[in-house]
Amino acid sequence: METLELLIAPLRDGLYTIMMPVSNFIWSYILVYLLLGAGLLFTIMTRGMQFRLFRHMAYVTFSARGAGDGISGFQAFATSMAARVGTGNLAGVALALWIGGPGAIFWMWVTALLGFATAFIESTLAQVYKHRNEDGVFRGGPAYYIERCLGWRWLGALFAVFLIIAYGLAFNAAQSNTIAQGMNGAFGIPNWLTGVVIAILAGFVIYGGLKSVARTAEKIVPAMAIAYLLVALWILVTNLSAVPDMLSLIVMSAFGLGPAVGGAAGYAIKAAMENGVKRGLFSNEAGMGSTPNAAAQASVKHPAAQGLVQSFGVFVDTIVICSCTAVVILLSGVYERLMSESPGDSIEGIQLTQDAMVDHLGGFGEIFIALAILFFAFTSILANFSFSAVNIEFLFRRHAAKAVSVFKVIVIVMVLLGSVAELSVVWDFADLAMGLMATTNLFAILIMGPIAVAVLKDYERQRREGIKEPLFDPAILKRPELVDADVWPVKEVKEG
């Protein structure tokens, strides 16, 4: 083992030397502002759709039964939520709190509120420019809409590579790592053994294809999300008197008015914003370009309908589930005790969440978090495979089946390796890959945003005319010939 470490250490150190400056530059100087700026712009362009259409979003989400064979709108929602709800909600929120302070939670909320509009834009575009695969399931996403609408296959391919690195490799390793730590902490199960079991279970599902992933996600994700919410609400109610102080601490810390991280208010604001936005994006994935791969798979009558469903997913993920984790940690005595005893020390994010739950619920809390991690992160692995497979097919069109078969083996290997890897290495690699794919996708959707806005206007116009389920006609687009006529046939000749 020591010999292996001696061989790996120089490679790891060399990778860090190249990786960390690039990752820090992207997150500190580009992506935080690009993400918030794009969200604000899309909010203005859609006239605040996240506020105007919130009730309708919820209605469409829970009544999304599809419009034919393939994957239903709700199954696509469940698949995207499987990717969203994972380590970012449990370990990621804890890390954001530890590094960025309570103010990081405020910036996670801001990221989510603006992310509603961004998620709508990218998911609607994925629906407009999707195509039907031989297995009857639609394919689409940033790689596809970049090529079809902008004509830049090279950029679509670049995005696909970034996504495969992030989701097929880094994120799957991170999810497996977190499951292994949670099971070790709660039950003393060796990390390697957890990795073997998760790899076998994941193999059973992913070898069933995209429909198998959707069916599994549809069953597991809602049940675990409701259970987690109920436990967090119980903790909130039993600590109701402390809630006003907690909310005040979150808001004040966001603007450097609370306990300053590192002793400087300016640094505290930067740390809170950067970590809140980063972990918010890792969790809700709005603008990253991941969930459009699930959105495109849905059989719906109008692209905007699935755009609204995916937008609602941002609310469930960050405003509800991430906030639950923040409540659990901040209302416990664990966070305050650690800050006073060992400020600046590195911690494992999931351990902080687990310790906080134990502080509230005793031994049951540790077991519950371990099980929540198991189910949330396991379904994330399945969704990560689904997203990556779609992009593998984009890159290897003539040999798609063979490429996906090889990739399935790679996913299982990454799950095994991730269970015993050092978390910080996996997490830092995930940050870089996520930053690169998000930057690529945001660049594309800023150019293509007006198309999604036109689709939303058409959807709202039909609803005003009393049409309960609007039907999409690509004739409303300036260039309807770019849309797959097999998927969205033109119903009327566009004038002018």
Protein backbone atom coordinates (compact mmCIF):
# COMPACT_ATOMS: atom_id res chain seq x y z
CA MET A 1 0.00 0.00 0.00
CA GLU A 2 2.88 2.33 0.85
CA THR A 3 4.51 1.58 -2.52
CA LEU A 4 1.26 2.41 -4.29
CA GLU A 5 1.02 5.70 -2.38
CA LEU A 6 4.61 6.57 -3.39
CA LEU A 7 3.71 6.04 -7.04
CA ILE A 8 0.41 7.94 -6.89
CA ALA A 9 1.60 10.91 -4.79
CA PRO A 10 3.71 12.64 -7.52
CA LEU A 11 0.87 12.21 -10.04
CA ARG A 12 -1.66 13.64 -7.58
CA ASP A 13 0.60 16.57 -6.67
CA GLY A 14 1.26 17.36 -10.33
CA LEU A 15 -2.47 17.24 -11.05
CA TYR A 16 -3.14 19.63 -8.18
CA THR A 17 -0.48 22.06 -9.45
CA ILE A 18 -2.33 22.38 -12.76
CA MET A 19 -5.90 21.85 -11.58
CA MET A 20 -6.27 24.15 -8.57
CA PRO A 21 -5.22 27.50 -10.14
CA VAL A 22 -7.56 26.86 -13.10
CA SER A 23 -10.45 25.82 -10.84
CA ASN A 24 -9.96 28.78 -8.47
CA PHE A 25 -9.82 31.24 -11.38
CA ILE A 26 -13.03 29.87 -12.93
CA TRP A 27 -14.96 29.92 -9.67
CA SER A 28 -13.58 33.15 -8.20
CA TYR A 29 -13.54 35.37 -11.29
CA ILE A 30 -15.86 33.88 -13.91
CA LEU A 31 -18.54 31.43 -12.87
CA VAL A 32 -19.98 33.05 -9.75
CA TYR A 33 -20.71 36.27 -11.63
CA LEU A 34 -21.68 34.54 -14.88
CA LEU A 35 -24.13 32.29 -13.05
CA LEU A 36 -25.77 35.09 -11.06
CA GLY A 37 -25.74 37.43 -14.07
CA ALA A 38 -27.33 34.84 -16.36
CA GLY A 39 -29.97 34.04 -13.74
CA LEU A 40 -30.82 37.73 -13.34
CA LEU A 41 -30.95 38.26 -17.13
CA PHE A 42 -33.22 35.24 -17.68
CA THR A 43 -35.43 36.35 -14.78
CA ILE A 44 -35.90 39.71 -16.52
CA MET A 45 -36.39 38.12 -19.98
CA THR A 46 -39.08 35.75 -18.65
CA ARG A 47 -40.68 38.55 -16.58
CA GLY A 48 -39.99 36.77 -13.30
CA MET A 49 -41.46 33.43 -14.37
CA GLN A 50 -40.35 31.81 -11.09
CA PHE A 51 -42.66 34.14 -9.17
CA ARG A 52 -45.52 34.50 -11.67
CA LEU A 53 -45.82 30.80 -12.52
CA PHE A 54 -44.79 29.10 -9.28
CA ARG A 55 -48.19 27.54 -8.54
CA HIS A 56 -48.49 26.37 -12.13
CA MET A 57 -44.98 24.85 -11.93
CA ALA A 58 -46.06 22.71 -8.99
CA TYR A 59 -49.27 21.67 -10.78
CA VAL A 60 -47.46 20.71 -13.99
CA THR A 61 -44.79 18.78 -12.06
CA PHE A 62 -47.20 16.50 -10.23
CA SER A 63 -49.55 16.02 -13.18
CA ALA A 64 -46.79 15.36 -15.75
CA ARG A 65 -47.87 11.98 -17.10
CA GLY A 66 -46.30 12.30 -20.55
CA ALA A 67 -47.77 12.47 -24.04
CA GLY A 68 -46.97 9.03 -25.45
CA ASP A 69 -44.44 6.20 -25.11
CA GLY A 70 -41.06 6.60 -23.48
CA ILE A 71 -40.37 8.50 -20.26
CA SER A 72 -43.07 10.62 -18.62
CA GLY A 73 -42.55 14.20 -17.52
CA PHE A 74 -42.58 13.16 -13.86
CA GLN A 75 -40.07 10.36 -14.47
CA ALA A 76 -37.75 12.89 -16.15
CA PHE A 77 -38.27 15.14 -13.11
CA ALA A 78 -37.43 12.25 -10.76
CA THR A 79 -34.29 11.41 -12.78
CA SER A 80 -33.09 15.02 -12.63
CA MET A 81 -33.91 15.18 -8.91
CA ALA A 82 -31.92 11.96 -8.41
CA ALA A 83 -28.88 13.83 -9.72
CA ARG A 84 -29.66 17.03 -7.83
CA VAL A 85 -30.44 15.45 -4.47
CA GLY A 86 -27.23 13.81 -3.30
CA THR A 87 -24.00 14.72 -1.58
CA GLY A 88 -24.51 18.40 -2.41
CA ASN A 89 -27.56 18.49 -0.14
CA LEU A 90 -25.92 16.70 2.77
CA ALA A 91 -22.12 16.96 2.67
CA GLY A 92 -22.01 20.01 0.35
CA VAL A 93 -24.20 22.22 2.55
CA ALA A 94 -22.10 21.29 5.59
CA LEU A 95 -18.89 22.19 3.75
CA ALA A 96 -20.38 25.49 2.58
CA LEU A 97 -21.30 26.33 6.19
CA TRP A 98 -17.88 25.36 7.53
CA ILE A 99 -15.83 27.23 4.93
CA GLY A 100 -18.15 30.12 4.08
CA GLY A 101 -20.03 30.54 7.36
CA PRO A 102 -23.82 30.74 7.84
CA GLY A 103 -24.00 33.48 5.16
CA ALA A 104 -23.27 30.82 2.53
CA ILE A 105 -26.83 29.56 3.01
CA PHE A 106 -28.21 32.97 2.02
CA TRP A 107 -26.22 32.90 -1.23
CA MET A 108 -27.41 29.36 -1.88
CA TRP A 109 -30.97 30.70 -1.70
CA VAL A 110 -30.15 33.59 -4.04
CA THR A 111 -28.52 31.17 -6.48
CA ALA A 112 -31.66 29.03 -6.39
CA LEU A 113 -34.11 31.91 -6.89
CA LEU A 114 -32.21 33.08 -9.95
CA GLY A 115 -31.58 29.48 -10.98
CA PHE A 116 -35.31 28.88 -11.50
CA ALA A 117 -35.17 30.93 -14.71
CA THR A 118 -31.85 29.46 -15.85
CA ALA A 119 -33.13 25.90 -15.36
CA PHE A 120 -36.24 26.78 -17.37
CA ILE A 121 -34.22 28.18 -20.29
CA GLU A 122 -31.80 25.25 -20.61
CA SER A 123 -34.44 22.53 -20.12
CA THR A 124 -36.85 24.12 -22.61
CA LEU A 125 -34.06 24.32 -25.20
CA ALA A 126 -33.29 20.63 -24.59
CA GLN A 127 -36.93 19.79 -25.33
CA VAL A 128 -37.08 21.93 -28.48
CA TYR A 129 -33.96 20.38 -30.06
CA LYS A 130 -34.30 16.76 -28.90
CA HIS A 131 -34.48 13.73 -31.19
CA ARG A 132 -36.01 10.26 -30.87
CA ASN A 133 -33.63 7.35 -30.32
CA GLU A 134 -34.06 3.78 -31.58
CA ASP A 135 -35.14 2.60 -28.10
CA GLY A 136 -38.10 5.01 -28.17
CA VAL A 137 -36.57 7.35 -25.58
CA PHE A 138 -35.73 10.92 -26.61
CA ARG A 139 -32.17 12.23 -26.43
CA GLY A 140 -31.11 15.83 -26.00
CA GLY A 141 -29.25 18.31 -23.84
CA PRO A 142 -26.61 21.04 -24.24
CA ALA A 143 -24.39 19.04 -26.60
CA TYR A 144 -27.37 18.47 -28.89
CA TYR A 145 -28.83 21.98 -28.83
CA ILE A 146 -25.40 23.57 -29.27
CA GLU A 147 -24.83 21.50 -32.41
CA ARG A 148 -28.34 21.72 -33.84
CA CYS A 149 -29.09 25.39 -33.17
CA LEU A 150 -25.65 27.02 -33.21
CA GLY A 151 -24.04 24.57 -35.65
CA TRP A 152 -20.98 24.17 -33.39
CA ARG A 153 -20.49 20.43 -33.01
CA TRP A 154 -16.98 21.05 -31.66
CA LEU A 155 -18.40 23.03 -28.73
CA GLY A 156 -21.11 20.43 -28.16
CA ALA A 157 -18.41 17.75 -28.10
CA LEU A 158 -16.35 19.81 -25.65
CA PHE A 159 -19.35 20.11 -23.34
CA ALA A 160 -19.99 16.36 -23.64
CA VAL A 161 -16.40 15.60 -22.61
CA PHE A 162 -16.62 17.92 -19.58
CA LEU A 163 -19.93 16.33 -18.52
CA ILE A 164 -18.60 12.78 -18.85
CA ILE A 165 -15.54 13.69 -16.75
CA ALA A 166 -17.71 15.43 -14.14
CA TYR A 167 -20.64 13.00 -13.94
CA GLY A 168 -19.31 9.70 -15.20
CA LEU A 169 -16.06 9.96 -13.24
CA ALA A 170 -15.73 12.65 -10.54
CA PHE A 171 -19.31 12.91 -9.26
CA ASN A 172 -19.87 9.15 -9.19
CA ALA A 173 -16.69 8.77 -7.17
CA ALA A 174 -17.82 11.59 -4.82
CA GLN A 175 -21.25 10.01 -4.30
CA SER A 176 -19.74 6.59 -3.60
CA ASN A 177 -17.23 8.19 -1.22
CA THR A 178 -19.98 9.87 0.77
CA ILE A 179 -22.09 6.70 0.98
CA ALA A 180 -19.06 4.74 2.23
CA GLN A 181 -18.25 7.34 4.90
CA GLY A 182 -21.86 7.47 6.07
CA MET A 183 -22.17 3.67 6.36
CA ASN A 184 -18.79 3.45 8.11
CA GLY A 185 -19.75 6.16 10.62
CA ALA A 186 -23.17 4.68 11.40
CA PHE A 187 -22.56 0.93 11.20
CA GLY A 188 -18.76 0.47 11.08
CA ILE A 189 -18.94 -1.12 7.61
CA PRO A 190 -15.56 -0.94 5.79
CA ASN A 191 -15.51 1.57 2.95
CA TRP A 192 -14.37 -1.00 0.37
CA LEU A 193 -17.25 -3.33 1.22
CA THR A 194 -19.80 -0.55 0.78
CA GLY A 195 -18.18 0.26 -2.57
CA VAL A 196 -18.55 -3.35 -3.75
CA VAL A 197 -22.25 -3.53 -2.76
CA ILE A 198 -23.12 -0.15 -4.34
CA ALA A 199 -21.27 -1.10 -7.53
CA ILE A 200 -23.26 -4.36 -7.82
CA LEU A 201 -26.62 -2.66 -7.16
CA ALA A 202 -25.84 0.18 -9.60
CA GLY A 203 -24.81 -2.37 -12.21
CA PHE A 204 -28.20 -4.09 -12.04
CA VAL A 205 -30.02 -0.82 -12.77
CA ILE A 206 -27.75 0.78 -15.37
CA TYR A 207 -27.62 -2.41 -17.45
CA GLY A 208 -31.40 -2.01 -17.78
CA GLY A 209 -30.95 1.25 -19.72
CA LEU A 210 -32.37 4.78 -19.34
CA LYS A 211 -35.96 3.59 -18.73
CA SER A 212 -34.72 1.43 -15.85
CA VAL A 213 -32.96 4.44 -14.31
CA ALA A 214 -36.13 6.56 -14.65
CA ARG A 215 -38.36 3.90 -13.07
CA THR A 216 -35.98 3.42 -10.13
CA ALA A 217 -35.61 7.17 -9.53
CA GLU A 218 -39.39 7.64 -9.67
CA LYS A 219 -39.82 5.21 -6.76
CA ILE A 220 -36.90 6.13 -4.47
CA VAL A 221 -36.45 9.92 -4.78
CA PRO A 222 -39.92 11.17 -3.69
CA ALA A 223 -40.05 8.79 -0.69
CA MET A 224 -36.63 9.81 0.66
CA ALA A 225 -37.19 13.52 0.01
CA ILE A 226 -40.45 13.46 2.00
CA ALA A 227 -38.85 11.49 4.85
CA TYR A 228 -35.92 13.94 5.05
CA LEU A 229 -38.29 16.92 5.00
CA LEU A 230 -40.44 15.49 7.80
CA VAL A 231 -37.42 14.88 10.06
CA ALA A 232 -36.10 18.42 9.41
CA LEU A 233 -39.56 19.90 10.13
CA TRP A 234 -39.68 18.00 13.42
CA ILE A 235 -36.29 19.46 14.40
CA LEU A 236 -37.47 22.93 13.34
CA VAL A 237 -40.67 22.72 15.41
CA THR A 238 -38.88 21.41 18.51
CA ASN A 239 -36.36 24.30 18.27
CA LEU A 240 -38.83 27.00 17.19
CA SER A 241 -37.62 29.62 19.66
CA ALA A 242 -34.11 29.52 18.14
CA VAL A 243 -35.28 29.96 14.52
CA PRO A 244 -35.39 33.81 14.44
CA ASP A 245 -31.79 34.03 15.70
CA MET A 246 -30.72 31.42 13.14
CA LEU A 247 -32.31 33.33 10.24
CA SER A 248 -30.77 36.59 11.47
CA LEU A 249 -27.33 34.94 11.64
CA ILE A 250 -27.67 33.64 8.05
CA VAL A 251 -28.63 37.05 6.60
CA MET A 252 -26.14 39.09 8.66
CA SER A 253 -23.26 36.71 7.89
CA ALA A 254 -24.00 36.96 4.16
CA PHE A 255 -23.08 40.66 4.30
CA GLY A 256 -20.17 40.39 6.72
CA LEU A 257 -22.19 41.57 9.72
CA GLY A 258 -21.92 38.35 11.69
CA PRO A 259 -18.81 36.55 12.97
CA ALA A 260 -16.24 37.23 10.22
CA VAL A 261 -14.54 34.26 8.62
CA GLY A 262 -10.80 34.69 8.94
CA GLY A 263 -11.26 37.86 10.98
CA ALA A 264 -12.10 40.18 8.04
CA ALA A 265 -15.63 41.19 7.02
CA GLY A 266 -14.66 41.57 3.35
CA TYR A 267 -13.20 38.10 3.25
CA ALA A 268 -16.29 36.76 5.06
CA ILE A 269 -18.59 38.11 2.33
CA LYS A 270 -16.39 36.66 -0.43
CA ALA A 271 -16.13 33.29 1.31
CA ALA A 272 -19.89 33.15 1.96
CA MET A 273 -20.80 34.14 -1.61
CA GLU A 274 -18.28 31.90 -3.34
CA ASN A 275 -19.06 28.81 -1.26
CA GLY A 276 -22.81 29.42 -1.26
CA VAL A 277 -22.95 29.81 -5.04
CA LYS A 278 -20.56 26.90 -5.66
CA ARG A 279 -22.40 24.46 -3.40
CA GLY A 280 -25.77 25.81 -4.56
CA LEU A 281 -24.83 25.07 -8.16
CA PHE A 282 -23.42 21.66 -7.24
CA SER A 283 -26.74 20.88 -5.58
CA ASN A 284 -29.47 22.36 -7.83
CA GLU A 285 -27.37 22.26 -11.03
CA ALA A 286 -29.21 25.21 -12.64
CA GLY A 287 -27.14 26.43 -15.58
CA MET A 288 -24.68 23.56 -15.33
CA GLY A 289 -26.19 21.77 -18.31
CA SER A 290 -26.80 18.46 -16.56
CA THR A 291 -30.56 18.32 -15.97
CA PRO A 292 -31.44 19.23 -19.60
CA ASN A 293 -30.21 15.73 -20.46
CA ALA A 294 -33.07 14.35 -18.33
CA ALA A 295 -35.54 17.03 -19.43
CA ALA A 296 -35.09 16.08 -23.09
CA GLN A 297 -36.12 12.48 -22.38
CA ALA A 298 -39.66 13.45 -21.32
CA SER A 299 -42.63 12.90 -23.63
CA VAL A 300 -44.58 16.16 -23.37
CA LYS A 301 -46.90 18.19 -25.60
CA HIS A 302 -45.03 21.48 -25.20
CA PRO A 303 -41.32 22.11 -24.37
CA ALA A 304 -42.20 24.84 -21.85
CA ALA A 305 -44.12 22.32 -19.74
CA GLN A 306 -40.96 20.33 -19.01
CA GLY A 307 -39.00 23.57 -18.60
CA LEU A 308 -41.40 24.52 -15.78
CA VAL A 309 -41.06 21.06 -14.22
CA GLN A 310 -37.27 21.31 -14.12
CA SER A 311 -37.49 24.85 -12.77
CA PHE A 312 -39.62 23.56 -9.88
CA GLY A 313 -36.87 21.01 -9.23
CA VAL A 314 -34.53 23.85 -8.21
CA PHE A 315 -37.05 24.87 -5.53
CA VAL A 316 -37.36 21.33 -4.14
CA ASP A 317 -33.61 20.79 -4.15
CA THR A 318 -32.22 24.00 -2.67
CA ILE A 319 -35.02 25.95 -1.02
CA VAL A 320 -36.45 22.80 0.61
CA ILE A 321 -33.84 20.02 0.99
CA CYS A 322 -30.64 22.09 1.32
CA SER A 323 -32.41 24.36 3.80
CA CYS A 324 -33.37 21.27 5.81
CA THR A 325 -29.68 20.36 6.17
CA ALA A 326 -28.79 23.94 7.17
CA VAL A 327 -31.55 23.92 9.79
CA VAL A 328 -30.34 20.60 11.22
CA ILE A 329 -26.74 21.87 11.53
CA LEU A 330 -27.34 25.44 12.72
CA LEU A 331 -29.96 24.48 15.32
CA SER A 332 -27.63 21.88 16.84
CA GLY A 333 -24.79 22.68 19.20
CA VAL A 334 -22.26 20.90 16.99
CA TYR A 335 -21.50 23.72 14.56
CA GLU A 336 -21.00 26.34 17.27
CA ARG A 337 -18.84 23.98 19.34
CA LEU A 338 -16.59 23.11 16.39
CA MET A 339 -16.21 26.77 15.42
CA SER A 340 -15.04 27.66 18.92
CA GLU A 341 -12.79 24.62 19.43
CA SER A 342 -11.20 24.11 15.99
CA PRO A 343 -11.86 27.01 13.59
CA GLY A 344 -10.05 26.67 10.27
CA ASP A 345 -9.55 22.91 10.58
CA SER A 346 -10.60 20.75 7.65
CA ILE A 347 -13.64 18.53 8.19
CA GLU A 348 -15.54 15.86 6.31
CA GLY A 349 -18.83 17.50 5.35
CA ILE A 350 -21.01 14.46 5.87
CA GLN A 351 -19.62 13.95 9.37
CA LEU A 352 -20.80 17.44 10.41
CA THR A 353 -24.33 16.70 9.12
CA GLN A 354 -24.31 13.31 10.85
CA ASP A 355 -23.06 14.72 14.17
CA ALA A 356 -25.70 17.48 14.05
CA MET A 357 -28.48 14.95 13.45
CA VAL A 358 -27.19 12.84 16.37
CA ASP A 359 -27.27 15.97 18.57
CA HIS A 360 -30.99 16.30 17.79
CA LEU A 361 -32.15 12.69 17.57
CA GLY A 362 -29.50 10.57 19.28
CA GLY A 363 -28.51 7.25 17.70
CA PHE A 364 -31.50 7.34 15.35
CA GLY A 365 -30.12 10.50 13.77
CA GLU A 366 -26.87 8.83 12.75
CA ILE A 367 -28.71 5.86 11.24
CA PHE A 368 -31.22 8.12 9.45
CA ILE A 369 -28.50 10.26 7.82
CA ALA A 370 -26.61 7.14 6.74
CA LEU A 371 -29.76 5.80 5.07
CA ALA A 372 -30.57 9.20 3.52
CA ILE A 373 -27.06 9.33 2.10
CA LEU A 374 -27.37 5.78 0.82
CA PHE A 375 -30.58 6.39 -1.13
CA PHE A 376 -29.91 9.99 -2.25
CA ALA A 377 -26.36 9.31 -3.41
CA PHE A 378 -27.22 5.93 -4.95
CA THR A 379 -29.93 7.44 -7.15
CA SER A 380 -27.47 10.23 -8.03
CA ILE A 381 -25.07 7.59 -9.37
CA LEU A 382 -27.87 6.22 -11.57
CA ALA A 383 -28.79 9.68 -12.88
CA ASN A 384 -25.13 10.53 -13.46
CA PHE A 385 -24.87 7.45 -15.64
CA SER A 386 -28.01 8.48 -17.55
CA PHE A 387 -26.63 11.98 -18.28
CA SER A 388 -23.22 10.64 -19.26
CA ALA A 389 -24.62 7.91 -21.52
CA VAL A 390 -26.58 10.51 -23.51
CA ASN A 391 -23.34 12.40 -24.13
CA ILE A 392 -21.36 9.26 -24.90
CA GLU A 393 -23.92 8.62 -27.65
CA PHE A 394 -23.43 12.17 -28.92
CA LEU A 395 -19.66 11.66 -29.23
CA PHE A 396 -19.74 8.12 -30.67
CA ARG A 397 -22.79 8.14 -32.92
CA ARG A 398 -21.73 5.28 -35.19
CA HIS A 399 -20.56 3.09 -32.31
CA ALA A 400 -22.88 4.38 -29.56
CA ALA A 401 -23.96 0.97 -28.21
CA LYS A 402 -20.37 -0.29 -27.86
CA ALA A 403 -19.20 2.99 -26.29
CA VAL A 404 -22.02 2.96 -23.71
CA SER A 405 -21.24 -0.70 -22.87
CA VAL A 406 -17.62 0.19 -22.14
CA PHE A 407 -18.73 3.24 -20.17
CA LYS A 408 -20.96 1.11 -17.91
CA VAL A 409 -17.87 -0.79 -16.79
CA ILE A 410 -16.01 2.49 -16.18
CA VAL A 411 -18.87 3.79 -14.01
CA ILE A 412 -18.78 0.66 -11.85
CA VAL A 413 -14.99 0.96 -11.48
CA MET A 414 -15.31 4.65 -10.45
CA VAL A 415 -17.88 3.71 -7.80
CA LEU A 416 -15.43 1.14 -6.39
CA LEU A 417 -12.45 3.53 -6.44
CA GLY A 418 -14.46 6.45 -5.07
CA SER A 419 -15.47 4.51 -1.96
CA VAL A 420 -11.85 4.37 -0.77
CA ALA A 421 -10.48 7.64 -2.25
CA GLU A 422 -9.60 10.80 -0.33
CA LEU A 423 -12.68 13.05 -0.41
CA SER A 424 -10.86 16.35 -0.93
CA VAL A 425 -9.18 15.10 -4.12
CA VAL A 426 -12.48 13.86 -5.55
CA TRP A 427 -14.33 17.03 -4.56
CA ASP A 428 -11.70 19.38 -6.02
CA PHE A 429 -11.68 17.46 -9.30
CA ALA A 430 -15.49 17.62 -9.39
CA ASP A 431 -15.35 21.40 -8.84
CA LEU A 432 -13.07 21.90 -11.84
CA ALA A 433 -15.08 19.68 -14.19
CA MET A 434 -18.34 21.26 -13.06
CA GLY A 435 -16.94 24.75 -13.58
CA LEU A 436 -15.82 23.99 -17.13
CA MET A 437 -19.11 22.41 -18.23
CA ALA A 438 -21.19 25.14 -16.57
CA THR A 439 -19.17 27.89 -18.29
CA THR A 440 -19.60 26.18 -21.68
CA ASN A 441 -23.36 25.72 -21.20
CA LEU A 442 -23.98 29.24 -19.89
CA PHE A 443 -22.16 30.71 -22.89
CA ALA A 444 -24.47 28.75 -25.22
CA ILE A 445 -27.78 29.47 -23.47
CA LEU A 446 -27.01 33.19 -23.22
CA ILE A 447 -26.97 33.17 -27.03
CA MET A 448 -30.01 30.90 -27.37
CA GLY A 449 -32.09 32.34 -24.50
CA PRO A 450 -34.51 34.30 -26.74
CA ILE A 451 -35.66 31.00 -28.33
CA ALA A 452 -36.76 29.61 -24.95
CA VAL A 453 -38.46 32.91 -24.12
CA ALA A 454 -40.44 32.72 -27.40
CA VAL A 455 -41.50 29.18 -26.49
CA LEU A 456 -42.66 30.38 -23.04
CA LYS A 457 -44.68 33.22 -24.61
CA ASP A 458 -46.39 30.71 -26.92
CA TYR A 459 -47.20 28.46 -23.95
CA GLU A 460 -48.66 31.33 -21.93
CA ARG A 461 -50.61 32.63 -24.94
CA GLN A 462 -52.31 29.27 -25.39
CA ARG A 463 -53.15 29.06 -21.70
CA ARG A 464 -54.71 32.54 -21.84
CA GLU A 465 -56.82 31.30 -24.74
CA GLY A 466 -58.19 28.58 -22.47
CA ILE A 467 -56.11 25.67 -23.77
CA LYS A 468 -55.43 23.49 -20.73
CA GLU A 469 -52.54 21.56 -22.33
CA PRO A 470 -50.79 23.76 -24.91
CA LEU A 471 -49.40 22.08 -28.03
CA PHE A 472 -46.08 23.12 -29.52
CA ASP A 473 -45.76 24.23 -33.12
CA PRO A 474 -42.16 24.97 -34.20
CA ALA A 475 -43.58 27.47 -36.72
CA ILE A 476 -43.34 30.06 -33.93
CA LEU A 477 -39.54 29.86 -34.19
CA LYS A 478 -37.49 31.95 -36.60
CA ARG A 479 -35.79 28.78 -37.90
CA PRO A 480 -38.22 25.87 -37.45
CA GLU A 481 -36.18 23.74 -39.88
CA LEU A 482 -33.56 23.25 -37.13
CA VAL A 483 -36.10 21.33 -35.05
CA ASP A 484 -36.49 17.59 -35.62
CA ALA A 485 -39.73 17.32 -37.64
CA ASP A 486 -40.11 13.74 -36.43
CA VAL A 487 -40.46 15.04 -32.87
CA TRP A 488 -42.16 18.41 -33.39
CA PRO A 489 -43.94 18.50 -36.78
CA VAL A 490 -44.81 21.96 -38.13
CA LYS A 491 -48.58 22.40 -37.90
CA GLU A 492 -48.95 25.71 -39.70
CA VAL A 493 -47.03 27.84 -42.16
CA LYS A 494 -45.37 30.79 -40.48
CA GLU A 495 -46.15 34.11 -42.14
CA GLY A 496 -43.59 36.77 -42.86
